[in-house]
Amino acid sequence: MVLADLDKRTELTVWPSSAPAHTARGQAFSTLREALVAAVKSIQADDAQPWIITDNGDILSPRWIRANADPRRLQ
């Protein structure tokens, strides 16, 4: 993944950590930056498990999101 990927479309799916899997919610974002912000908020607020699929087909796990969502790294 390169910095230019941060400006491409993504799909975020948030799986609740305490509810059945069929209650996941998905949302499209115009940039990976926006999706990462939403993913981090879901982790902090709901202790959820967000997964991101990038426009290039990369799948970003909750662990990857936690490790790479530092706002200074996204600029």
Protein backbone atom coordinates (compact mmCIF):
# COMPACT_ATOMS: atom_id res chain seq x y z
CA MET A 1 0.00 0.00 0.00
CA VAL A 2 1.25 3.48 -0.90
CA LEU A 3 0.19 6.96 0.21
CA ALA A 4 -1.88 7.42 -2.99
CA ASP A 5 -4.10 4.55 -1.80
CA LEU A 6 -5.34 6.80 1.01
CA ASP A 7 -7.29 8.82 -1.55
CA LYS A 8 -9.08 5.89 -3.21
CA ARG A 9 -12.57 4.53 -2.58
CA THR A 10 -13.07 1.90 0.13
CA GLU A 11 -15.77 -0.17 1.79
CA LEU A 12 -15.90 -0.39 5.58
CA THR A 13 -17.74 -3.19 7.34
CA VAL A 14 -18.11 -3.01 11.10
CA TRP A 15 -18.80 -6.23 12.97
CA PRO A 16 -20.02 -5.77 16.53
CA SER A 17 -17.86 -7.64 19.02
CA SER A 18 -20.78 -8.73 21.19
CA ALA A 19 -23.66 -9.29 18.73
CA PRO A 20 -24.30 -12.03 16.17
CA ALA A 21 -22.37 -11.64 12.92
CA HIS A 22 -25.48 -11.00 10.86
CA THR A 23 -25.77 -7.54 12.45
CA ALA A 24 -22.70 -6.14 10.65
CA ARG A 25 -23.10 -2.80 8.91
CA GLY A 26 -21.28 -1.68 5.79
CA GLN A 27 -20.62 1.73 4.31
CA ALA A 28 -18.79 3.06 1.26
CA PHE A 29 -16.28 5.89 1.63
CA SER A 30 -14.75 8.08 -1.05
CA THR A 31 -11.30 7.76 0.55
CA LEU A 32 -9.42 5.32 2.72
CA ARG A 33 -8.62 8.23 5.06
CA GLU A 34 -12.34 8.69 5.82
CA ALA A 35 -12.87 4.97 6.30
CA LEU A 36 -9.96 4.74 8.74
CA VAL A 37 -11.35 7.60 10.83
CA ALA A 38 -14.76 5.90 10.98
CA ALA A 39 -13.16 2.53 11.77
CA VAL A 40 -11.16 3.95 14.67
CA LYS A 41 -14.26 5.68 16.05
CA SER A 42 -16.16 2.39 15.95
CA ILE A 43 -13.35 0.65 17.84
CA GLN A 44 -13.22 3.37 20.48
CA ALA A 45 -16.98 3.81 20.90
CA ASP A 46 -18.31 0.30 20.45
CA ASP A 47 -15.30 -2.01 20.80
CA ALA A 48 -16.25 -3.17 17.30
CA GLN A 49 -14.28 -5.13 14.71
CA PRO A 50 -13.97 -3.01 11.54
CA TRP A 51 -12.71 -4.45 8.27
CA ILE A 52 -11.84 -2.33 5.23
CA ILE A 53 -11.69 -3.46 1.61
CA THR A 54 -9.78 -1.03 -0.58
CA ASP A 55 -10.42 -0.15 -4.21
CA ASN A 56 -7.39 -2.32 -5.08
CA GLY A 57 -8.87 -5.33 -3.26
CA ASP A 58 -6.67 -5.17 -0.16
CA ILE A 59 -8.40 -6.34 3.02
CA LEU A 60 -7.41 -4.41 6.13
CA SER A 61 -8.06 -6.22 9.41
CA PRO A 62 -8.94 -4.64 12.76
CA ARG A 63 -5.35 -5.27 13.88
CA TRP A 64 -3.96 -3.46 10.79
CA ILE A 65 -6.37 -0.58 11.35
CA ARG A 66 -5.31 -0.17 14.97
CA ALA A 67 -1.62 -0.24 14.02
CA ASN A 68 -1.92 2.23 11.13
CA ALA A 69 -4.65 4.69 12.07
CA ASP A 70 -2.41 7.26 13.75
CA PRO A 71 -3.59 10.63 12.30
CA ARG A 72 0.01 11.75 11.75
CA ARG A 73 0.60 8.79 9.45
CA LEU A 74 -2.49 9.57 7.35
CA GLN A 75 -1.40 13.01 6.19
